[in-house]
Protein backbone atom coordinates (compact mmCIF):
# COMPACT_ATOMS: atom_id res chain seq x y z
CA MET A 1 0.00 0.00 0.00
CA ALA A 2 1.33 3.46 -0.91
CA PRO A 3 2.19 5.77 1.99
CA THR A 4 -0.63 8.21 2.81
CA ASN A 5 1.54 11.27 2.23
CA LEU A 6 2.27 10.13 -1.33
CA ILE A 7 -1.46 10.13 -2.05
CA ILE A 8 -2.23 13.43 -0.29
CA ALA A 9 0.61 15.36 -1.94
CA PRO A 10 -0.66 15.01 -5.54
CA LEU A 11 -4.20 15.87 -4.42
CA PHE A 12 -2.92 18.96 -2.63
CA LEU A 13 -0.95 20.08 -5.69
CA LEU A 14 -3.97 19.52 -7.95
CA THR A 15 -6.19 21.60 -5.66
CA LEU A 16 -3.58 24.36 -5.43
CA PHE A 17 -3.18 24.39 -9.23
CA SER A 18 -6.94 24.72 -9.66
CA LEU A 19 -7.08 27.64 -7.24
CA VAL A 20 -4.27 29.41 -9.07
CA ARG A 21 -6.09 28.95 -12.39
CA VAL A 22 -9.24 30.51 -10.94
CA GLN A 23 -7.29 33.44 -9.49
CA GLU A 24 -5.56 34.06 -12.83
CA GLY A 25 -8.90 34.08 -14.62
CA VAL A 26 -8.03 31.09 -16.76
CA GLU A 27 -10.90 28.89 -15.73
CA ASP A 28 -13.97 29.20 -17.90
CA SER A 29 -16.63 30.89 -15.76
CA GLY A 30 -19.36 30.44 -18.34
CA LYS A 31 -19.61 34.23 -18.83
CA TYR A 32 -16.92 34.38 -21.48
CA PRO A 33 -16.27 34.84 -24.27
CA ILE A 34 -18.61 37.72 -25.08
CA VAL A 35 -18.84 40.19 -27.96
CA VAL A 36 -20.70 43.52 -27.85
CA SER A 37 -21.04 45.99 -30.72
CA THR A 38 -22.86 49.19 -31.52
CA TRP A 39 -25.73 48.78 -33.99
CA PRO A 40 -27.13 45.57 -35.56
CA PHE A 41 -23.86 44.77 -37.30
CA LEU A 42 -24.64 41.06 -37.06
CA GLU A 43 -21.97 39.71 -39.41
CA ALA A 44 -19.27 41.69 -37.65
CA VAL A 45 -20.29 40.27 -34.27
CA ARG A 46 -20.44 36.77 -35.74
CA ALA A 47 -16.93 37.15 -37.14
CA ALA A 48 -15.58 38.31 -33.79
CA TRP A 49 -17.46 35.53 -31.97
CA GLU A 50 -16.14 32.84 -34.29
CA ALA A 51 -12.60 34.04 -33.66
CA VAL A 52 -12.84 34.38 -29.88
CA ASP A 53 -14.78 31.14 -29.50
CA LYS A 54 -11.92 29.34 -31.27
CA GLY A 55 -9.48 30.73 -28.72
CA PHE A 56 -8.31 33.95 -30.35
CA ASN A 57 -7.39 36.65 -27.86
CA ALA A 58 -9.65 39.69 -27.43
CA VAL A 59 -7.47 42.01 -29.52
CA ASP A 60 -7.39 39.69 -32.53
CA ALA A 61 -11.12 38.98 -32.24
CA VAL A 62 -11.88 42.71 -32.31
CA VAL A 63 -9.78 43.04 -35.46
CA GLU A 64 -11.69 40.17 -37.07
CA GLY A 65 -15.05 41.72 -36.20
CA CYS A 66 -14.27 45.26 -37.27
CA SER A 67 -12.58 44.02 -40.44
CA ALA A 68 -15.76 42.17 -41.39
CA CYS A 69 -17.73 45.40 -41.00
CA GLU A 70 -15.20 47.28 -43.13
CA GLU A 71 -15.42 44.64 -45.86
CA LEU A 72 -19.23 44.75 -45.78
CA ARG A 73 -19.19 48.58 -45.67
CA CYS A 74 -21.70 48.51 -42.83
CA ASP A 75 -24.38 51.18 -43.31
CA GLY A 76 -22.05 52.84 -45.82
CA THR A 77 -20.38 54.53 -42.85
CA VAL A 78 -17.73 51.92 -42.02
CA GLY A 79 -14.87 51.08 -44.38
CA PRO A 80 -14.36 52.52 -47.87
CA GLY A 81 -16.98 53.79 -50.26
CA GLY A 82 -19.01 56.07 -48.00
CA SER A 83 -19.22 59.42 -46.22
CA PRO A 84 -17.45 61.75 -48.65
CA ASP A 85 -15.92 64.90 -47.22
CA GLU A 86 -16.31 68.38 -48.73
CA ASN A 87 -13.87 67.41 -51.47
CA GLY A 88 -15.64 64.14 -52.25
CA GLU A 89 -12.94 61.98 -50.63
CA THR A 90 -13.53 59.15 -48.18
CA THR A 91 -11.05 58.77 -45.32
CA ILE A 92 -10.83 56.31 -42.42
CA ASP A 93 -10.63 56.65 -38.63
CA ALA A 94 -9.98 53.57 -36.47
CA LEU A 95 -8.78 52.56 -33.02
CA LEU A 96 -7.69 49.40 -31.22
CA MET A 97 -7.17 49.19 -27.45
CA ASN A 98 -5.84 46.33 -25.34
CA GLY A 99 -7.45 46.42 -21.90
CA ALA A 100 -4.77 44.16 -20.43
CA THR A 101 -1.80 46.37 -21.33
CA MET A 102 -3.63 49.68 -21.97
CA GLU A 103 -1.84 49.88 -25.33
CA VAL A 104 -3.63 51.84 -28.05
CA GLY A 105 -3.10 52.02 -31.79
CA ALA A 106 -5.09 54.41 -33.93
CA VAL A 107 -5.25 56.05 -37.35
CA ALA A 108 -7.15 59.19 -38.24
CA SER A 109 -8.14 60.84 -41.51
CA MET A 110 -6.25 58.01 -43.23
CA ARG A 111 -6.26 58.15 -47.03
CA TYR A 112 -5.83 55.43 -49.65
CA VAL A 113 -5.93 52.44 -47.24
CA LYS A 114 -9.22 50.64 -46.67
CA ASP A 115 -8.24 48.45 -43.69
CA GLY A 116 -8.65 50.87 -40.80
CA ILE A 117 -8.63 48.44 -37.88
CA LYS A 118 -5.65 46.51 -39.25
CA ALA A 119 -3.76 49.77 -39.68
CA ALA A 120 -4.57 50.63 -36.06
CA ARG A 121 -3.17 47.25 -34.97
CA LEU A 122 0.03 47.93 -36.92
CA VAL A 123 0.44 51.24 -35.07
CA MET A 124 0.04 49.35 -31.78
CA GLN A 125 2.39 46.53 -32.75
CA HIS A 126 5.16 48.34 -34.60
CA THR A 127 5.40 51.85 -33.14
CA LYS A 128 5.76 53.49 -29.75
CA HIS A 129 3.09 56.00 -30.79
CA THR A 130 -0.63 55.95 -30.17
CA MET A 131 -1.96 57.56 -33.37
CA LEU A 132 -0.85 58.28 -36.92
CA VAL A 133 -2.82 60.60 -39.20
CA GLY A 134 -3.51 61.49 -42.79
CA GLU A 135 -1.41 60.46 -45.75
CA ARG A 136 1.55 59.61 -43.51
CA ALA A 137 -0.61 57.03 -41.74
CA SER A 138 -1.35 55.55 -45.17
CA ILE A 139 2.35 55.38 -46.08
CA PHE A 140 3.11 53.64 -42.79
CA ALA A 141 0.27 51.11 -43.21
CA ILE A 142 1.31 50.25 -46.75
CA SER A 143 4.96 49.92 -45.69
CA MET A 144 3.84 47.43 -43.04
CA GLY A 145 2.09 45.26 -45.63
CA LEU A 146 -1.46 46.54 -46.07
CA SER A 147 -2.77 46.94 -49.60
CA GLY A 148 -2.77 50.36 -51.20
CA PRO A 149 -2.84 53.03 -52.37
CA THR A 150 -6.54 52.49 -53.08
CA ASN A 151 -9.26 54.91 -54.10
CA LEU A 152 -11.64 54.81 -51.12
CA SER A 153 -14.49 56.49 -53.00
CA SER A 154 -17.33 54.57 -54.65
CA SER A 155 -19.98 55.36 -57.22
CA GLU A 156 -22.45 55.77 -54.34
CA SER A 157 -20.27 58.18 -52.40
CA MET A 158 -19.53 60.26 -55.50
CA GLU A 159 -23.21 60.39 -56.43
CA LYS A 160 -24.02 61.56 -52.89
CA TRP A 161 -21.31 64.21 -53.12
CA THR A 162 -22.52 65.41 -56.55
CA ARG A 163 -26.08 65.87 -55.26
CA TRP A 164 -24.74 67.80 -52.28
CA LYS A 165 -22.73 70.09 -54.56
CA GLU A 166 -25.83 70.71 -56.64
CA ASN A 167 -27.59 71.75 -53.42
CA ASN A 168 -25.03 74.54 -52.89
CA CYS A 169 -23.07 72.32 -50.49
CA GLN A 170 -25.80 72.44 -47.87
CA PRO A 171 -25.96 71.37 -45.13
CA ASN A 172 -22.36 71.61 -44.05
CA PHE A 173 -20.22 71.88 -40.93
CA ARG A 174 -19.14 75.49 -41.46
CA LYS A 175 -20.21 78.24 -39.06
CA ASN A 176 -19.70 81.96 -38.76
CA VAL A 177 -18.51 82.17 -42.35
CA VAL A 178 -19.71 83.58 -45.67
CA PRO A 179 -19.15 81.63 -48.91
CA VAL A 180 -17.65 83.54 -51.79
CA GLY A 181 -19.38 81.10 -54.15
CA SER A 182 -22.18 78.64 -53.51
CA CYS A 183 -19.63 76.12 -52.19
CA GLY A 184 -16.90 78.40 -50.98
CA PRO A 185 -14.22 79.35 -50.52
CA TYR A 186 -15.38 80.64 -47.15
CA GLN A 187 -14.46 83.79 -45.27
CA PRO A 188 -15.07 84.66 -41.60
CA LYS A 189 -18.07 86.84 -40.92
CA ASP A 190 -17.49 90.33 -39.63
CA ASN A 191 -20.87 90.38 -37.95
CA LEU A 192 -21.60 87.17 -36.05
CA GLY A 193 -25.13 88.32 -35.39
CA HIS A 194 -25.93 87.86 -39.07
CA ASN A 195 -26.01 84.14 -39.82
CA LYS A 196 -26.91 82.78 -43.20
CA GLY A 197 -26.35 79.06 -42.62
CA ILE A 198 -29.37 76.78 -42.66
CA CYS A 199 -28.08 74.69 -39.77
CA SER A 200 -27.57 77.41 -37.20
CA GLU A 201 -29.34 80.24 -35.51
CA ALA A 202 -28.14 83.47 -33.95
CA SER A 203 -28.29 84.08 -30.24
CA SER A 204 -27.28 86.93 -27.96
CA ILE A 205 -24.26 84.97 -26.71
CA GLY A 206 -22.96 83.82 -30.07
CA THR A 207 -24.02 81.03 -32.36
CA ILE A 208 -25.84 77.92 -31.19
CA GLU A 209 -25.52 75.09 -33.66
CA SER A 210 -28.51 73.01 -34.60
CA ARG A 211 -26.92 69.75 -35.66
CA THR A 212 -29.97 67.60 -36.39
CA CYS A 213 -29.74 68.23 -40.13
CA LEU A 214 -26.12 67.10 -40.13
CA VAL A 215 -26.15 64.13 -37.77
CA GLY A 216 -28.34 61.06 -38.01
CA PRO A 217 -28.25 57.27 -37.87
CA HIS A 218 -27.09 57.03 -41.50
CA SER A 219 -24.96 60.17 -41.86
CA HIS A 220 -22.20 58.64 -39.76
CA ASP A 221 -22.17 55.43 -37.76
CA THR A 222 -19.20 53.97 -35.95
CA ILE A 223 -18.75 50.31 -35.25
CA SER A 224 -17.45 50.24 -31.71
CA MET A 225 -16.84 46.68 -30.56
CA ALA A 226 -15.81 45.17 -27.24
CA VAL A 227 -14.64 41.58 -26.73
CA ILE A 228 -13.92 39.67 -23.54
CA ASP A 229 -12.00 36.51 -24.42
CA LYS A 230 -11.88 33.13 -22.69
CA MET A 231 -9.06 34.33 -20.47
CA GLY A 232 -11.15 37.27 -19.29
CA HIS A 233 -9.07 39.85 -21.15
CA VAL A 234 -10.83 42.85 -22.68
CA ALA A 235 -10.22 44.74 -25.91
CA VAL A 236 -12.12 47.33 -27.92
CA GLY A 237 -11.96 48.61 -31.47
CA THR A 238 -13.63 51.19 -33.68
CA SER A 239 -13.84 51.94 -37.37
CA THR A 240 -15.65 54.63 -39.31
CA ASN A 241 -15.36 56.75 -42.43
CA GLY A 242 -16.59 59.73 -40.44
CA ALA A 243 -19.25 62.37 -40.86
CA THR A 244 -20.72 62.90 -44.32
CA PHE A 245 -19.55 66.17 -45.92
CA LYS A 246 -17.09 66.82 -43.09
CA ILE A 247 -14.47 69.51 -43.62
CA SER A 248 -11.40 67.87 -45.09
CA GLY A 249 -8.99 66.90 -42.32
CA ARG A 250 -11.67 66.48 -39.66
CA VAL A 251 -11.04 63.77 -37.08
CA GLY A 252 -13.99 62.48 -35.09
CA ASP A 253 -14.25 60.56 -31.86
CA GLY A 254 -13.62 57.16 -33.47
CA PRO A 255 -9.84 57.07 -33.00
CA ILE A 256 -9.83 58.85 -29.62
CA ALA A 257 -9.24 56.52 -26.67
CA GLY A 258 -11.86 57.16 -24.03
CA SER A 259 -14.29 58.75 -26.45
CA ALA A 260 -15.62 56.15 -28.92
CA ALA A 261 -14.16 53.23 -26.97
CA TYR A 262 -12.26 52.32 -23.83
CA ALA A 263 -11.23 49.08 -22.14
CA ASP A 264 -9.66 48.04 -18.87
CA ASP A 265 -9.24 44.41 -17.84
CA GLU A 266 -9.94 45.35 -14.23
CA VAL A 267 -13.35 46.86 -15.00
CA GLY A 268 -14.85 46.23 -18.45
CA ALA A 269 -15.39 48.24 -21.60
CA CYS A 270 -17.47 50.84 -23.39
CA GLY A 271 -18.28 51.70 -27.00
CA ALA A 272 -19.91 54.85 -28.37
CA THR A 273 -21.44 56.19 -31.56
CA GLY A 274 -23.07 59.42 -32.61
CA ASP A 275 -22.10 63.06 -32.99
CA GLY A 276 -18.41 62.59 -32.42
CA ASP A 277 -17.52 66.28 -32.55
CA ILE A 278 -19.65 66.79 -29.44
CA MET A 279 -19.07 63.46 -27.71
CA MET A 280 -15.27 63.63 -27.86
CA ARG A 281 -15.36 66.71 -25.66
CA PHE A 282 -16.67 64.56 -22.80
CA LEU A 283 -14.73 61.28 -23.21
CA PRO A 284 -17.95 59.33 -22.48
CA CYS A 285 -16.40 55.86 -22.64
CA TYR A 286 -13.67 56.76 -20.19
CA GLN A 287 -16.39 58.16 -17.96
CA VAL A 288 -18.43 54.95 -18.23
CA VAL A 289 -15.49 52.70 -17.33
CA GLU A 290 -14.45 54.89 -14.42
CA SER A 291 -18.03 54.95 -13.12
CA MET A 292 -18.13 51.16 -13.27
CA ARG A 293 -14.77 51.07 -11.47
CA GLN A 294 -16.43 52.97 -8.63
CA GLY A 295 -19.15 50.33 -8.42
CA MET A 296 -21.82 51.77 -10.70
CA GLU A 297 -23.82 49.22 -12.72
CA PRO A 298 -23.40 49.42 -16.54
CA GLU A 299 -26.88 50.84 -17.13
CA LEU A 300 -26.44 53.67 -14.66
CA ALA A 301 -22.90 54.34 -15.86
CA ALA A 302 -24.09 54.58 -19.46
CA LYS A 303 -27.01 56.86 -18.59
CA ASP A 304 -24.81 59.09 -16.47
CA ALA A 305 -22.26 59.57 -19.26
CA ILE A 306 -24.96 60.45 -21.81
CA SER A 307 -26.73 62.82 -19.42
CA ARG A 308 -23.52 64.79 -18.87
CA ILE A 309 -23.44 65.55 -22.60
CA ALA A 310 -27.17 66.21 -22.93
CA ARG A 311 -27.10 68.83 -20.19
CA LYS A 312 -24.68 70.92 -22.25
CA PHE A 313 -25.89 69.97 -25.76
CA PRO A 314 -29.58 69.05 -25.55
CA ASP A 315 -29.93 68.50 -29.31
CA PHE A 316 -27.00 66.13 -29.72
CA MET A 317 -27.46 62.55 -30.96
CA GLY A 318 -25.41 59.76 -29.52
CA ALA A 319 -25.25 56.52 -27.58
CA VAL A 320 -22.96 54.34 -25.50
CA VAL A 321 -22.95 50.65 -24.67
CA ALA A 322 -21.24 49.40 -21.50
CA ILE A 323 -20.14 45.95 -20.35
CA ASN A 324 -18.53 45.06 -17.05
CA LYS A 325 -16.24 42.18 -16.13
CA ASP A 326 -19.23 40.13 -15.00
CA GLY A 327 -20.64 40.23 -18.53
CA VAL A 328 -23.48 42.59 -17.60
CA HIS A 329 -24.20 44.98 -20.47
CA ALA A 330 -26.47 47.97 -21.06
CA GLY A 331 -26.89 50.96 -23.35
CA ALA A 332 -28.03 54.55 -23.14
CA CYS A 333 -28.80 57.10 -25.83
CA HIS A 334 -30.05 60.61 -26.53
CA GLY A 335 -31.78 62.02 -29.58
CA TRP A 336 -32.41 58.71 -31.35
CA THR A 337 -33.32 55.09 -30.73
CA PHE A 338 -30.16 53.03 -30.36
CA GLN A 339 -29.51 49.34 -30.95
CA TYR A 340 -26.54 47.22 -29.97
CA SER A 341 -25.61 43.60 -30.60
CA VAL A 342 -24.39 40.87 -28.25
CA ARG A 343 -23.14 37.30 -28.55
CA SER A 344 -22.45 35.31 -25.40
CA PRO A 345 -22.18 31.61 -24.46
CA ASP A 346 -25.85 31.35 -23.54
CA MET A 347 -26.99 32.56 -26.99
CA ASP A 348 -27.39 30.52 -30.16
CA ASP A 349 -26.76 33.60 -32.31
CA VAL A 350 -26.31 37.36 -32.07
CA LYS A 351 -29.05 39.16 -30.16
CA VAL A 352 -29.96 42.80 -30.80
CA PHE A 353 -31.01 45.02 -27.89
CA THR A 354 -33.01 48.21 -28.41
CA VAL A 355 -32.52 51.27 -26.20
CA LEU A 356 -35.00 54.13 -26.19
CA PRO A 357 -33.90 57.75 -25.65
């Protein structure tokens, strides 16, 4: 008969090993993996789910999901072929964030390269920077192996731009200016009390923008995706071709860490979409994650972040979706009805959740 201590020792080591695995978050809790995305971008969520369910880490799964949306040109506002700027050109903003290391890679106003999220990953992997912009971001991405240069316009985007030009380039994002011609060039107004733009109105304290004719569910959408992998690690990513008829060179909230997305392994993640020019002033996703860090439930954290913006800009349109480390998710919105998509282990397929303003 084997000595008792020879039997107990292996059992003790096995128990200790199991405890260590639980503490390191390796053991499958049944909550993970999970994928959350703004809007009913079902194929993007399925692509991310397929990757993470096979054992991909959260960062790579986010890239798979956002890449699928770029390839499908979701809503015409993600990837190439949509949202022309004032010059008729389509450019790309994208971000990738690793919630385990807090590394971020981003590109903004990127020309000639269609793979926004992959370019963002290259910035994260092969530079000590956080963001590259414009044509130089394109040169870097191509030098690292992405295809290009590519014309990011499409027949649809050029037709949209042509109609806008025929409408005297209205509406647009200019303010406090006078066009020399129907579509510019523009000069500053001498008298701010006299305002000719159709998307603004004069007030005694300056100019208050009315943005509802510029911002809507199909004038610019961002895919903002969060993934928690089987190890419990969190990552987020975004991709968008920005606001339709934006001033050339404009960068929205999509590539700004803490604005359109934020992730922290210790807490959870957030994604946002909407009027990025307004939302980026408040870093709503950073606010959501920090609120959850302080113990606030995702629904309350999301509502609180949106309400902070609405108090200052009551006519803005936007939304956030929050998920904590327990897999609890919720959304909040203002100015429109918002939908977000989720895939988790207890679901047979992607489920879409609707949030009312």
